[in-house]
Structures are given as C-alpha cells and as structure tokens.
C-alpha cells in the first residue's frame, strides 16, 4: 500500500503495527514497538471507538477490540518495560498474530481511508 494514499495517519499506523504483529517471527523489539503504537499512540484499548467511522471500519472493530484487549492484558502485566518479550513468549502470541493477520487483510480489502477510490 502506498504511503501517500492514507486518508488517516491512525489507519496507516494501525496497518503497520498489525503487519508487524502478523509475523510470527517478528523480533521482540518490533513487537514492543507495534504494541506501543496500538496501545499508546492510537489508544486502541483505552479509547477503542475513537476511530470508528473514520479510520476504523465497522467490520474491523471487533477484531481490533479483541487484539487490543489481548495486548493490554500482556503489556499491563509486564513491569520491566519489555512488552515484546512478554507478548511473544506468551501462549496467546499465536492468537495475537492471527488477529493481526485478519486485520491486515481487512484493511487491505477496505482500503486506506474513507475517500472514494482510495484503495
């Protein structure tokens, strides 16, 4: 997907973070950065409805909510600050990858934003 076609920077960030989390072989540093993007920068867990109808499409909401809840549960329990190790080392890592893979597919299908013909 071309970077110059994203209507919302938050959607681009969601796509990039999910692309990282979709890779079962992602490094813990990249996973930590992706989790931070989702949880801290676009507040996917704390304010899950902020993007609904804007940069988060209706069919993506449930998967995004599920992914955010899983990440928040693991990141919130990690006190050392290394979210990547806590996430990739947990038994829910395959489920996190699956949610991220599903979201990446949905974003590719739905397109880069709300503008007509932006795919």
PDB file of N, CA and C in Angstrom:
ATOM      1  N   UNK A   1       0.857  -1.172   0.000  1.00  0.00           N
ATOM      2  CA  UNK A   1       0.000   0.000   0.000  1.00  0.00           C
ATOM      3  C   UNK A   1       0.902   1.234   0.000  1.00  0.00           C
ATOM      4  N   UNK A   2       0.542   2.178  -0.832  1.00  0.00           N
ATOM      5  CA  UNK A   2       1.343   3.390  -0.966  1.00  0.00           C
ATOM      6  C   UNK A   2       1.123   4.335   0.207  1.00  0.00           C
ATOM      7  N   UNK A   3       2.215   4.856   0.762  1.00  0.00           N
ATOM      8  CA  UNK A   3       2.117   5.744   1.918  1.00  0.00           C
ATOM      9  C   UNK A   3       1.398   7.048   1.631  1.00  0.00           C
ATOM     10  N   UNK A   4       1.389   7.504   0.395  1.00  0.00           N
ATOM     11  CA  UNK A   4       0.789   8.799   0.098  1.00  0.00           C
ATOM     12  C   UNK A   4      -0.733   8.744  -0.073  1.00  0.00           C
ATOM     13  N   UNK A   5      -1.320   7.585   0.105  1.00  0.00           N
ATOM     14  CA  UNK A   5      -2.763   7.459  -0.087  1.00  0.00           C
ATOM     15  C   UNK A   5      -3.548   7.260   1.202  1.00  0.00           C
ATOM     16  N   UNK A   6      -2.905   7.245   2.328  1.00  0.00           N
ATOM     17  CA  UNK A   6      -3.617   7.068   3.593  1.00  0.00           C
ATOM     18  C   UNK A   6      -4.385   8.345   3.917  1.00  0.00           C
ATOM     19  N   UNK A   7      -5.683   8.200   4.148  1.00  0.00           N
ATOM     20  CA  UNK A   7      -6.510   9.339   4.494  1.00  0.00           C
ATOM     21  C   UNK A   7      -6.273   9.724   5.956  1.00  0.00           C
ATOM     22  N   UNK A   8      -6.096   8.748   6.818  1.00  0.00           N
ATOM     23  CA  UNK A   8      -5.898   8.963   8.250  1.00  0.00           C
ATOM     24  C   UNK A   8      -4.563   8.363   8.681  1.00  0.00           C
ATOM     25  N   UNK A   9      -3.710   9.142   9.326  1.00  0.00           N
ATOM     26  CA  UNK A   9      -2.433   8.597   9.821  1.00  0.00           C
ATOM     27  C   UNK A   9      -2.637   7.450  10.814  1.00  0.00           C
ATOM     28  N   UNK A  10      -3.722   7.503  11.575  1.00  0.00           N
ATOM     29  CA  UNK A  10      -4.002   6.448  12.541  1.00  0.00           C
ATOM     30  C   UNK A  10      -4.248   5.115  11.843  1.00  0.00           C
ATOM     31  N   UNK A  11      -4.892   5.170  10.690  1.00  0.00           N
ATOM     32  CA  UNK A  11      -5.157   3.936   9.931  1.00  0.00           C
ATOM     33  C   UNK A  11      -3.849   3.371   9.398  1.00  0.00           C
ATOM     34  N   UNK A  12      -2.986   4.242   8.916  1.00  0.00           N
ATOM     35  CA  UNK A  12      -1.659   3.817   8.453  1.00  0.00           C
ATOM     36  C   UNK A  12      -0.894   3.173   9.606  1.00  0.00           C
ATOM     37  N   UNK A  13      -0.943   3.791  10.783  1.00  0.00           N
ATOM     38  CA  UNK A  13      -0.242   3.247  11.947  1.00  0.00           C
ATOM     39  C   UNK A  13      -0.829   1.907  12.372  1.00  0.00           C
ATOM     40  N   UNK A  14      -2.148   1.791  12.315  1.00  0.00           N
ATOM     41  CA  UNK A  14      -2.807   0.520  12.625  1.00  0.00           C
ATOM     42  C   UNK A  14      -2.329  -0.558  11.660  1.00  0.00           C
ATOM     43  N   UNK A  15      -2.301  -0.236  10.380  1.00  0.00           N
ATOM     44  CA  UNK A  15      -1.872  -1.192   9.361  1.00  0.00           C
ATOM     45  C   UNK A  15      -0.422  -1.625   9.586  1.00  0.00           C
ATOM     46  N   UNK A  16       0.450  -0.681   9.811  1.00  0.00           N
ATOM     47  CA  UNK A  16       1.867  -1.003  10.003  1.00  0.00           C
ATOM     48  C   UNK A  16       2.087  -1.840  11.258  1.00  0.00           C
ATOM     49  N   UNK A  17       1.431  -1.463  12.347  1.00  0.00           N
ATOM     50  CA  UNK A  17       1.597  -2.213  13.595  1.00  0.00           C
ATOM     51  C   UNK A  17       1.054  -3.636  13.438  1.00  0.00           C
ATOM     52  N   UNK A  18      -0.097  -3.757  12.806  1.00  0.00           N
ATOM     53  CA  UNK A  18      -0.676  -5.086  12.601  1.00  0.00           C
ATOM     54  C   UNK A  18       0.178  -5.920  11.650  1.00  0.00           C
ATOM     55  N   UNK A  19       0.781  -5.284  10.662  1.00  0.00           N
ATOM     56  CA  UNK A  19       1.678  -6.013   9.765  1.00  0.00           C
ATOM     57  C   UNK A  19       2.840  -6.619  10.533  1.00  0.00           C
ATOM     58  N   UNK A  20       3.346  -5.884  11.506  1.00  0.00           N
ATOM     59  CA  UNK A  20       4.427  -6.400  12.350  1.00  0.00           C
ATOM     60  C   UNK A  20       3.934  -7.553  13.210  1.00  0.00           C
ATOM     61  N   UNK A  21       2.798  -7.350  13.858  1.00  0.00           N
ATOM     62  CA  UNK A  21       2.266  -8.384  14.756  1.00  0.00           C
ATOM     63  C   UNK A  21       1.781  -9.616  14.000  1.00  0.00           C
ATOM     64  N   UNK A  22       1.505  -9.480  12.731  1.00  0.00           N
ATOM     65  CA  UNK A  22       1.047 -10.609  11.923  1.00  0.00           C
ATOM     66  C   UNK A  22       2.168 -11.597  11.621  1.00  0.00           C
ATOM     67  N   UNK A  23       3.397 -11.180  11.829  1.00  0.00           N
ATOM     68  CA  UNK A  23       4.554 -12.030  11.539  1.00  0.00           C
ATOM     69  C   UNK A  23       4.946 -12.827  12.778  1.00  0.00           C
ATOM     70  N   UNK A  24       4.725 -14.136  12.787  1.00  0.00           N
ATOM     71  CA  UNK A  24       5.072 -14.945  13.958  1.00  0.00           C
ATOM     72  C   UNK A  24       6.563 -14.900  14.310  1.00  0.00           C
ATOM     73  N   UNK A  25       7.397 -14.507  13.348  1.00  0.00           N
ATOM     74  CA  UNK A  25       8.844 -14.440  13.574  1.00  0.00           C
ATOM     75  C   UNK A  25       9.331 -13.022  13.877  1.00  0.00           C
ATOM     76  N   UNK A  26       8.425 -12.095  14.122  1.00  0.00           N
ATOM     77  CA  UNK A  26       8.810 -10.713  14.419  1.00  0.00           C
ATOM     78  C   UNK A  26       9.697 -10.664  15.657  1.00  0.00           C
ATOM     79  N   UNK A  27      10.649  -9.755  15.643  1.00  0.00           N
ATOM     80  CA  UNK A  27      11.533  -9.611  16.802  1.00  0.00           C
ATOM     81  C   UNK A  27      10.765  -9.003  17.966  1.00  0.00           C
ATOM     82  N   UNK A  28      11.242  -9.251  19.162  1.00  0.00           N
ATOM     83  CA  UNK A  28      10.560  -8.701  20.332  1.00  0.00           C
ATOM     84  C   UNK A  28      10.591  -7.175  20.321  1.00  0.00           C
ATOM     85  N   UNK A  29      11.663  -6.588  19.784  1.00  0.00           N
ATOM     86  CA  UNK A  29      11.749  -5.122  19.706  1.00  0.00           C
ATOM     87  C   UNK A  29      10.664  -4.565  18.783  1.00  0.00           C
ATOM     88  N   UNK A  30      10.456  -5.224  17.642  1.00  0.00           N
ATOM     89  CA  UNK A  30       9.416  -4.768  16.717  1.00  0.00           C
ATOM     90  C   UNK A  30       8.020  -4.984  17.294  1.00  0.00           C
ATOM     91  N   UNK A  31       7.827  -6.095  17.994  1.00  0.00           N
ATOM     92  CA  UNK A  31       6.538  -6.368  18.621  1.00  0.00           C
ATOM     93  C   UNK A  31       6.258  -5.334  19.707  1.00  0.00           C
ATOM     94  N   UNK A  32       7.263  -5.003  20.479  1.00  0.00           N
ATOM     95  CA  UNK A  32       7.109  -3.993  21.519  1.00  0.00           C
ATOM     96  C   UNK A  32       6.719  -2.641  20.920  1.00  0.00           C
ATOM     97  N   UNK A  33       7.383  -2.274  19.834  1.00  0.00           N
ATOM     98  CA  UNK A  33       7.079  -1.008  19.157  1.00  0.00           C
ATOM     99  C   UNK A  33       5.661  -1.018  18.590  1.00  0.00           C
ATOM    100  N   UNK A  34       5.261  -2.130  17.985  1.00  0.00           N
ATOM    101  CA  UNK A  34       3.915  -2.237  17.414  1.00  0.00           C
ATOM    102  C   UNK A  34       2.858  -2.157  18.518  1.00  0.00           C
ATOM    103  N   UNK A  35       3.093  -2.841  19.624  1.00  0.00           N
ATOM    104  CA  UNK A  35       2.152  -2.801  20.743  1.00  0.00           C
ATOM    105  C   UNK A  35       2.047  -1.389  21.304  1.00  0.00           C
ATOM    106  N   UNK A  36       3.171  -0.713  21.411  1.00  0.00           N
ATOM    107  CA  UNK A  36       3.169   0.663  21.898  1.00  0.00           C
ATOM    108  C   UNK A  36       2.370   1.573  20.967  1.00  0.00           C
ATOM    109  N   UNK A  37       2.527   1.377  19.682  1.00  0.00           N
ATOM    110  CA  UNK A  37       1.764   2.167  18.708  1.00  0.00           C
ATOM    111  C   UNK A  37       0.268   1.962  18.914  1.00  0.00           C
ATOM    112  N   UNK A  38      -0.137   0.703  19.032  1.00  0.00           N
ATOM    113  CA  UNK A  38      -1.558   0.402  19.166  1.00  0.00           C
ATOM    114  C   UNK A  38      -2.130   0.847  20.509  1.00  0.00           C
ATOM    115  N   UNK A  39      -1.390   0.609  21.577  1.00  0.00           N
ATOM    116  CA  UNK A  39      -1.912   0.900  22.911  1.00  0.00           C
ATOM    117  C   UNK A  39      -1.707   2.349  23.357  1.00  0.00           C
ATOM    118  N   UNK A  40      -0.582   2.933  22.999  1.00  0.00           N
ATOM    119  CA  UNK A  40      -0.272   4.283  23.477  1.00  0.00           C
ATOM    120  C   UNK A  40      -0.575   5.387  22.468  1.00  0.00           C
ATOM    121  N   UNK A  41      -0.172   5.176  21.239  1.00  0.00           N
ATOM    122  CA  UNK A  41      -0.307   6.251  20.253  1.00  0.00           C
ATOM    123  C   UNK A  41      -1.724   6.376  19.694  1.00  0.00           C
ATOM    124  N   UNK A  42      -2.310   5.257  19.289  1.00  0.00           N
ATOM    125  CA  UNK A  42      -3.679   5.364  18.763  1.00  0.00           C
ATOM    126  C   UNK A  42      -4.724   4.890  19.776  1.00  0.00           C
ATOM    127  N   UNK A  43      -4.279   4.541  20.976  1.00  0.00           N
ATOM    128  CA  UNK A  43      -5.152   4.194  22.109  1.00  0.00           C
ATOM    129  C   UNK A  43      -6.247   3.206  21.731  1.00  0.00           C
ATOM    130  N   UNK A  44      -5.849   2.159  21.068  1.00  0.00           N
ATOM    131  CA  UNK A  44      -6.809   1.172  20.597  1.00  0.00           C
ATOM    132  C   UNK A  44      -7.553   0.496  21.743  1.00  0.00           C
ATOM    133  N   UNK A  45      -6.925   0.417  22.915  1.00  0.00           N
ATOM    134  CA  UNK A  45      -7.593  -0.191  24.059  1.00  0.00           C
ATOM    135  C   UNK A  45      -8.323   0.849  24.904  1.00  0.00           C
ATOM    136  N   UNK A  46      -7.644   1.940  25.240  1.00  0.00           N
ATOM    137  CA  UNK A  46      -8.220   2.943  26.133  1.00  0.00           C
ATOM    138  C   UNK A  46      -9.406   3.682  25.537  1.00  0.00           C
ATOM    139  N   UNK A  47      -9.376   3.892  24.249  1.00  0.00           N
ATOM    140  CA  UNK A  47     -10.447   4.618  23.570  1.00  0.00           C
ATOM    141  C   UNK A  47     -10.755   3.919  22.246  1.00  0.00           C
ATOM    142  N   UNK A  48     -11.293   2.700  22.332  1.00  0.00           N
ATOM    143  CA  UNK A  48     -11.430   1.867  21.135  1.00  0.00           C
ATOM    144  C   UNK A  48     -12.396   2.395  20.082  1.00  0.00           C
ATOM    145  N   UNK A  49     -13.268   3.285  20.449  1.00  0.00           N
ATOM    146  CA  UNK A  49     -14.266   3.766  19.490  1.00  0.00           C
ATOM    147  C   UNK A  49     -13.880   5.096  18.842  1.00  0.00           C
ATOM    148  N   UNK A  50     -12.735   5.641  19.203  1.00  0.00           N
ATOM    149  CA  UNK A  50     -12.366   6.951  18.671  1.00  0.00           C
ATOM    150  C   UNK A  50     -12.258   6.973  17.153  1.00  0.00           C
ATOM    151  N   UNK A  51     -11.849   5.875  16.564  1.00  0.00           N
ATOM    152  CA  UNK A  51     -11.669   5.853  15.120  1.00  0.00           C
ATOM    153  C   UNK A  51     -12.831   5.279  14.351  1.00  0.00           C
ATOM    154  N   UNK A  52     -13.837   4.787  15.050  1.00  0.00           N
ATOM    155  CA  UNK A  52     -14.958   4.140  14.378  1.00  0.00           C
ATOM    156  C   UNK A  52     -15.650   5.117  13.432  1.00  0.00           C
ATOM    157  N   UNK A  53     -15.797   4.686  12.205  1.00  0.00           N
ATOM    158  CA  UNK A  53     -16.425   5.519  11.202  1.00  0.00           C
ATOM    159  C   UNK A  53     -15.464   6.488  10.538  1.00  0.00           C
ATOM    160  N   UNK A  54     -14.260   6.586  11.063  1.00  0.00           N
ATOM    161  CA  UNK A  54     -13.236   7.446  10.468  1.00  0.00           C
ATOM    162  C   UNK A  54     -12.132   6.569   9.902  1.00  0.00           C
ATOM    163  N   UNK A  55     -11.205   6.188  10.769  1.00  0.00           N
ATOM    164  CA  UNK A  55     -10.082   5.372  10.301  1.00  0.00           C
ATOM    165  C   UNK A  55     -10.233   3.904  10.649  1.00  0.00           C
ATOM    166  N   UNK A  56     -11.256   3.552  11.415  1.00  0.00           N
ATOM    167  CA  UNK A  56     -11.529   2.159  11.752  1.00  0.00           C
ATOM    168  C   UNK A  56     -12.890   1.786  11.168  1.00  0.00           C
ATOM    169  N   UNK A  57     -12.875   0.875  10.216  1.00  0.00           N
ATOM    170  CA  UNK A  57     -14.098   0.479   9.537  1.00  0.00           C
ATOM    171  C   UNK A  57     -14.942  -0.405  10.452  1.00  0.00           C
ATOM    172  N   UNK A  58     -16.267  -0.370  10.292  1.00  0.00           N
ATOM    173  CA  UNK A  58     -17.152  -1.138  11.181  1.00  0.00           C
ATOM    174  C   UNK A  58     -16.817  -2.624  11.274  1.00  0.00           C
ATOM    175  N   UNK A  59     -16.482  -3.251  10.166  1.00  0.00           N
ATOM    176  CA  UNK A  59     -16.193  -4.688  10.209  1.00  0.00           C
ATOM    177  C   UNK A  59     -14.847  -4.994  10.859  1.00  0.00           C
ATOM    178  N   UNK A  60     -14.023  -3.989  11.072  1.00  0.00           N
ATOM    179  CA  UNK A  60     -12.718  -4.174  11.701  1.00  0.00           C
ATOM    180  C   UNK A  60     -12.776  -4.018  13.223  1.00  0.00           C
ATOM    181  N   UNK A  61     -13.834  -3.403  13.720  1.00  0.00           N
ATOM    182  CA  UNK A  61     -13.920  -3.031  15.137  1.00  0.00           C
ATOM    183  C   UNK A  61     -13.774  -4.196  16.108  1.00  0.00           C
ATOM    184  N   UNK A  62     -14.503  -5.272  15.871  1.00  0.00           N
ATOM    185  CA  UNK A  62     -14.462  -6.399  16.808  1.00  0.00           C
ATOM    186  C   UNK A  62     -13.082  -7.044  16.860  1.00  0.00           C
ATOM    187  N   UNK A  63     -12.464  -7.205  15.708  1.00  0.00           N
ATOM    188  CA  UNK A  63     -11.125  -7.809  15.663  1.00  0.00           C
ATOM    189  C   UNK A  63     -10.125  -6.876  16.334  1.00  0.00           C
ATOM    190  N   UNK A  64     -10.236  -5.577  16.060  1.00  0.00           N
ATOM    191  CA  UNK A  64      -9.337  -4.592  16.682  1.00  0.00           C
ATOM    192  C   UNK A  64      -9.515  -4.580  18.195  1.00  0.00           C
ATOM    193  N   UNK A  65     -10.756  -4.657  18.658  1.00  0.00           N
ATOM    194  CA  UNK A  65     -11.023  -4.692  20.101  1.00  0.00           C
ATOM    195  C   UNK A  65     -10.399  -5.922  20.751  1.00  0.00           C
ATOM    196  N   UNK A  66     -10.553  -7.063  20.098  1.00  0.00           N
ATOM    197  CA  UNK A  66     -10.004  -8.315  20.625  1.00  0.00           C
ATOM    198  C   UNK A  66      -8.476  -8.256  20.692  1.00  0.00           C
ATOM    199  N   UNK A  67      -7.872  -7.765  19.624  1.00  0.00           N
ATOM    200  CA  UNK A  67      -6.415  -7.627  19.597  1.00  0.00           C
ATOM    201  C   UNK A  67      -5.943  -6.683  20.694  1.00  0.00           C
ATOM    202  N   UNK A  68      -6.605  -5.557  20.829  1.00  0.00           N
ATOM    203  CA  UNK A  68      -6.212  -4.570  21.843  1.00  0.00           C
ATOM    204  C   UNK A  68      -6.344  -5.147  23.253  1.00  0.00           C
ATOM    205  N   UNK A  69      -7.399  -5.897  23.507  1.00  0.00           N
ATOM    206  CA  UNK A  69      -7.595  -6.490  24.832  1.00  0.00           C
ATOM    207  C   UNK A  69      -6.474  -7.482  25.151  1.00  0.00           C
ATOM    208  N   UNK A  70      -6.102  -8.293  24.171  1.00  0.00           N
ATOM    209  CA  UNK A  70      -5.012  -9.260  24.385  1.00  0.00           C
ATOM    210  C   UNK A  70      -3.689  -8.550  24.651  1.00  0.00           C
ATOM    211  N   UNK A  71      -3.401  -7.540  23.855  1.00  0.00           N
ATOM    212  CA  UNK A  71      -2.143  -6.803  24.042  1.00  0.00           C
ATOM    213  C   UNK A  71      -2.125  -6.082  25.383  1.00  0.00           C
ATOM    214  N   UNK A  72      -3.237  -5.471  25.736  1.00  0.00           N
ATOM    215  CA  UNK A  72      -3.312  -4.734  27.000  1.00  0.00           C
ATOM    216  C   UNK A  72      -3.115  -5.657  28.198  1.00  0.00           C
ATOM    217  N   UNK A  73      -3.699  -6.829  28.132  1.00  0.00           N
ATOM    218  CA  UNK A  73      -3.561  -7.783  29.244  1.00  0.00           C
ATOM    219  C   UNK A  73      -2.101  -8.167  29.453  1.00  0.00           C
ATOM    220  N   UNK A  74      -1.384  -8.377  28.367  1.00  0.00           N
ATOM    221  CA  UNK A  74       0.020  -8.771  28.488  1.00  0.00           C
ATOM    222  C   UNK A  74       0.918  -7.586  28.811  1.00  0.00           C
ATOM    223  N   UNK A  75       0.690  -6.468  28.166  1.00  0.00           N
ATOM    224  CA  UNK A  75       1.525  -5.282  28.406  1.00  0.00           C
ATOM    225  C   UNK A  75       1.310  -4.743  29.809  1.00  0.00           C
ATOM    226  N   UNK A  76       0.085  -4.802  30.283  1.00  0.00           N
ATOM    227  CA  UNK A  76      -0.208  -4.296  31.620  1.00  0.00           C
ATOM    228  C   UNK A  76       0.425  -5.125  32.714  1.00  0.00           C
ATOM    229  N   UNK A  77       0.651  -6.391  32.455  1.00  0.00           N
ATOM    230  CA  UNK A  77       1.260  -7.279  33.448  1.00  0.00           C
ATOM    231  C   UNK A  77       2.780  -7.211  33.418  1.00  0.00           C
ATOM    232  N   UNK A  78       3.340  -6.614  32.380  1.00  0.00           N
ATOM    233  CA  UNK A  78       4.795  -6.554  32.220  1.00  0.00           C
ATOM    234  C   UNK A  78       5.336  -5.283  32.869  1.00  0.00           C
ATOM    235  N   UNK A  79       6.170  -5.465  33.878  1.00  0.00           N
ATOM    236  CA  UNK A  79       6.690  -4.307  34.605  1.00  0.00           C
ATOM    237  C   UNK A  79       8.094  -3.901  34.173  1.00  0.00           C
ATOM    238  N   UNK A  80       8.773  -4.745  33.425  1.00  0.00           N
ATOM    239  CA  UNK A  80      10.138  -4.417  33.033  1.00  0.00           C
ATOM    240  C   UNK A  80      10.185  -3.458  31.850  1.00  0.00           C
ATOM    241  N   UNK A  81       9.062  -3.268  31.187  1.00  0.00           N
ATOM    242  CA  UNK A  81       9.027  -2.386  30.029  1.00  0.00           C
ATOM    243  C   UNK A  81       9.303  -3.085  28.721  1.00  0.00           C
ATOM    244  N   UNK A  82       9.620  -4.375  28.762  1.00  0.00           N
ATOM    245  CA  UNK A  82       9.881  -5.119  27.530  1.00  0.00           C
ATOM    246  C   UNK A  82       8.627  -5.861  27.113  1.00  0.00           C
ATOM    247  N   UNK A  83       7.724  -5.148  26.515  1.00  0.00           N
ATOM    248  CA  UNK A  83       6.464  -5.743  26.098  1.00  0.00           C
ATOM    249  C   UNK A  83       6.679  -6.835  25.067  1.00  0.00           C
ATOM    250  N   UNK A  84       7.653  -6.669  24.203  1.00  0.00           N
ATOM    251  CA  UNK A  84       7.884  -7.633  23.136  1.00  0.00           C
ATOM    252  C   UNK A  84       8.127  -9.032  23.648  1.00  0.00           C
ATOM    253  N   UNK A  85       9.010  -9.153  24.618  1.00  0.00           N
ATOM    254  CA  UNK A  85       9.299 -10.477  25.208  1.00  0.00           C
ATOM    255  C   UNK A  85       8.070 -11.049  25.891  1.00  0.00           C
ATOM    256  N   UNK A  86       7.346 -10.208  26.618  1.00  0.00           N
ATOM    257  CA  UNK A  86       6.147 -10.672  27.318  1.00  0.00           C
ATOM    258  C   UNK A  86       5.087 -11.158  26.332  1.00  0.00           C
ATOM    259  N   UNK A  87       4.970 -10.483  25.205  1.00  0.00           N
ATOM    260  CA  UNK A  87       3.953 -10.838  24.215  1.00  0.00           C
ATOM    261  C   UNK A  87       4.359 -12.072  23.419  1.00  0.00           C
ATOM    262  N   UNK A  88       5.566 -12.059  22.857  1.00  0.00           N
ATOM    263  CA  UNK A  88       5.984 -13.195  22.019  1.00  0.00           C
ATOM    264  C   UNK A  88       6.209 -14.469  22.820  1.00  0.00           C
ATOM    265  N   UNK A  89       6.466 -14.333  24.105  1.00  0.00           N
ATOM    266  CA  UNK A  89       6.696 -15.502  24.943  1.00  0.00           C
ATOM    267  C   UNK A  89       5.438 -16.063  25.575  1.00  0.00           C
ATOM    268  N   UNK A  90       4.316 -15.431  25.346  1.00  0.00           N
ATOM    269  CA  UNK A  90       3.065 -15.860  25.974  1.00  0.00           C
ATOM    270  C   UNK A  90       2.307 -16.840  25.069  1.00  0.00           C
ATOM    271  N   UNK A  91       1.492 -17.655  25.685  1.00  0.00           N
ATOM    272  CA  UNK A  91       0.727 -18.663  24.934  1.00  0.00           C
ATOM    273  C   UNK A  91      -0.304 -18.044  23.987  1.00  0.00           C
ATOM    274  N   UNK A  92      -0.654 -16.783  24.190  1.00  0.00           N
ATOM    275  CA  UNK A  92      -1.622 -16.134  23.300  1.00  0.00           C
ATOM    276  C   UNK A  92      -0.966 -15.483  22.075  1.00  0.00           C
ATOM    277  N   UNK A  93       0.365 -15.570  21.967  1.00  0.00           N
ATOM    278  CA  UNK A  93       1.053 -14.981  20.821  1.00  0.00           C
ATOM    279  C   UNK A  93       0.476 -15.461  19.478  1.00  0.00           C
ATOM    280  N   UNK A  94       0.219 -16.762  19.286  1.00  0.00           N
ATOM    281  CA  UNK A  94      -0.378 -17.177  18.006  1.00  0.00           C
ATOM    282  C   UNK A  94      -1.748 -16.534  17.747  1.00  0.00           C
ATOM    283  N   UNK A  95      -2.526 -16.334  18.805  1.00  0.00           N
ATOM    284  CA  UNK A  95      -3.835 -15.679  18.648  1.00  0.00           C
ATOM    285  C   UNK A  95      -3.670 -14.206  18.288  1.00  0.00           C
ATOM    286  N   UNK A  96      -2.665 -13.565  18.871  1.00  0.00           N
ATOM    287  CA  UNK A  96      -2.372 -12.169  18.549  1.00  0.00           C
ATOM    288  C   UNK A  96      -1.966 -12.062  17.080  1.00  0.00           C
ATOM    289  N   UNK A  97      -1.110 -12.963  16.641  1.00  0.00           N
ATOM    290  CA  UNK A  97      -0.705 -12.987  15.224  1.00  0.00           C
ATOM    291  C   UNK A  97      -1.914 -13.179  14.322  1.00  0.00           C
ATOM    292  N   UNK A  98      -2.798 -14.092  14.702  1.00  0.00           N
ATOM    293  CA  UNK A  98      -3.981 -14.370  13.881  1.00  0.00           C
ATOM    294  C   UNK A  98      -4.893 -13.149  13.799  1.00  0.00           C
ATOM    295  N   UNK A  99      -5.117 -12.473  14.924  1.00  0.00           N
ATOM    296  CA  UNK A  99      -5.934 -11.253  14.899  1.00  0.00           C
ATOM    297  C   UNK A  99      -5.297 -10.196  14.014  1.00  0.00           C
ATOM    298  N   UNK A 100      -3.993 -10.025  14.148  1.00  0.00           N
ATOM    299  CA  UNK A 100      -3.282  -9.026  13.340  1.00  0.00           C
ATOM    300  C   UNK A 100      -3.347  -9.378  11.856  1.00  0.00           C
ATOM    301  N   UNK A 101      -3.197 -10.653  11.537  1.00  0.00           N
ATOM    302  CA  UNK A 101      -3.290 -11.088  10.140  1.00  0.00           C
ATOM    303  C   UNK A 101      -4.683 -10.791   9.578  1.00  0.00           C
ATOM    304  N   UNK A 102      -5.680 -11.052  10.396  1.00  0.00           N
ATOM    305  CA  UNK A 102      -7.059 -10.788   9.959  1.00  0.00           C
ATOM    306  C   UNK A 102      -7.267  -9.293   9.720  1.00  0.00           C
ATOM    307  N   UNK A 103      -6.777  -8.464  10.632  1.00  0.00           N
ATOM    308  CA  UNK A 103      -6.918  -7.020  10.466  1.00  0.00           C
ATOM    309  C   UNK A 103      -6.175  -6.505   9.238  1.00  0.00           C
ATOM    310  N   UNK A 104      -4.978  -7.010   9.000  1.00  0.00           N
ATOM    311  CA  UNK A 104      -4.228  -6.611   7.809  1.00  0.00           C
ATOM    312  C   UNK A 104      -5.039  -6.932   6.556  1.00  0.00           C
ATOM    313  N   UNK A 105      -5.624  -8.113   6.509  1.00  0.00           N
ATOM    314  CA  UNK A 105      -6.454  -8.488   5.368  1.00  0.00           C
ATOM    315  C   UNK A 105      -7.668  -7.585   5.210  1.00  0.00           C
ATOM    316  N   UNK A 106      -8.290  -7.247   6.323  1.00  0.00           N
ATOM    317  CA  UNK A 106      -9.460  -6.367   6.277  1.00  0.00           C
ATOM    318  C   UNK A 106      -9.073  -4.963   5.807  1.00  0.00           C
ATOM    319  N   UNK A 107      -7.959  -4.465   6.301  1.00  0.00           N
ATOM    320  CA  UNK A 107      -7.510  -3.134   5.894  1.00  0.00           C
ATOM    321  C   UNK A 107      -7.187  -3.127   4.405  1.00  0.00           C
ATOM    322  N   UNK A 108      -6.533  -4.169   3.936  1.00  0.00           N
ATOM    323  CA  UNK A 108      -6.242  -4.254   2.500  1.00  0.00           C
ATOM    324  C   UNK A 108      -7.533  -4.288   1.685  1.00  0.00           C
ATOM    325  N   UNK A 109      -8.515  -5.007   2.180  1.00  0.00           N
ATOM    326  CA  UNK A 109      -9.795  -5.109   1.477  1.00  0.00           C
ATOM    327  C   UNK A 109     -10.557  -3.781   1.532  1.00  0.00           C
ATOM    328  N   UNK A 110     -10.609  -3.170   2.707  1.00  0.00           N
ATOM    329  CA  UNK A 110     -11.392  -1.948   2.897  1.00  0.00           C
ATOM    330  C   UNK A 110     -10.717  -0.699   2.332  1.00  0.00           C
ATOM    331  N   UNK A 111      -9.421  -0.743   2.200  1.00  0.00           N
ATOM    332  CA  UNK A 111      -8.709   0.392   1.641  1.00  0.00           C
ATOM    333  C   UNK A 111      -8.048   1.265   2.692  1.00  0.00           C
ATOM    334  N   UNK A 112      -7.433   2.310   2.212  1.00  0.00           N
ATOM    335  CA  UNK A 112      -6.599   3.155   3.054  1.00  0.00           C
ATOM    336  C   UNK A 112      -7.347   4.285   3.743  1.00  0.00           C
ATOM    337  N   UNK A 113      -8.589   4.459   3.466  1.00  0.00           N
ATOM    338  CA  UNK A 113      -9.313   5.550   4.116  1.00  0.00           C
ATOM    339  C   UNK A 113     -10.740   5.621   3.660  1.00  0.00           C
ATOM    340  N   UNK A 114     -11.366   6.732   3.953  1.00  0.00           N
ATOM    341  CA  UNK A 114     -12.777   6.892   3.640  1.00  0.00           C
ATOM    342  C   UNK A 114     -13.010   7.574   2.309  1.00  0.00           C
ATOM    343  N   UNK A 115     -11.952   8.088   1.691  1.00  0.00           N
ATOM    344  CA  UNK A 115     -12.116   8.761   0.402  1.00  0.00           C
ATOM    345  C   UNK A 115     -12.455   7.754  -0.684  1.00  0.00           C
ATOM    346  N   UNK A 116     -13.280   8.140  -1.601  1.00  0.00           N
ATOM    347  CA  UNK A 116     -13.657   7.277  -2.709  1.00  0.00           C
ATOM    348  C   UNK A 116     -12.418   6.902  -3.524  1.00  0.00           C
ATOM    349  N   UNK A 117     -12.412   5.678  -3.942  1.00  0.00           N
ATOM    350  CA  UNK A 117     -11.363   5.147  -4.820  1.00  0.00           C
ATOM    351  C   UNK A 117      -9.978   5.131  -4.182  1.00  0.00           C
ATOM    352  N   UNK A 118      -9.897   5.259  -2.876  1.00  0.00           N
ATOM    353  CA  UNK A 118      -8.606   5.135  -2.198  1.00  0.00           C
ATOM    354  C   UNK A 118      -8.510   3.703  -1.728  1.00  0.00           C
ATOM    355  N   UNK A 119      -7.698   2.937  -2.415  1.00  0.00           N
ATOM    356  CA  UNK A 119      -7.536   1.524  -2.073  1.00  0.00           C
ATOM    357  C   UNK A 119      -6.110   1.256  -1.887  1.00  0.00           C
TER     358      UNK A 119
END
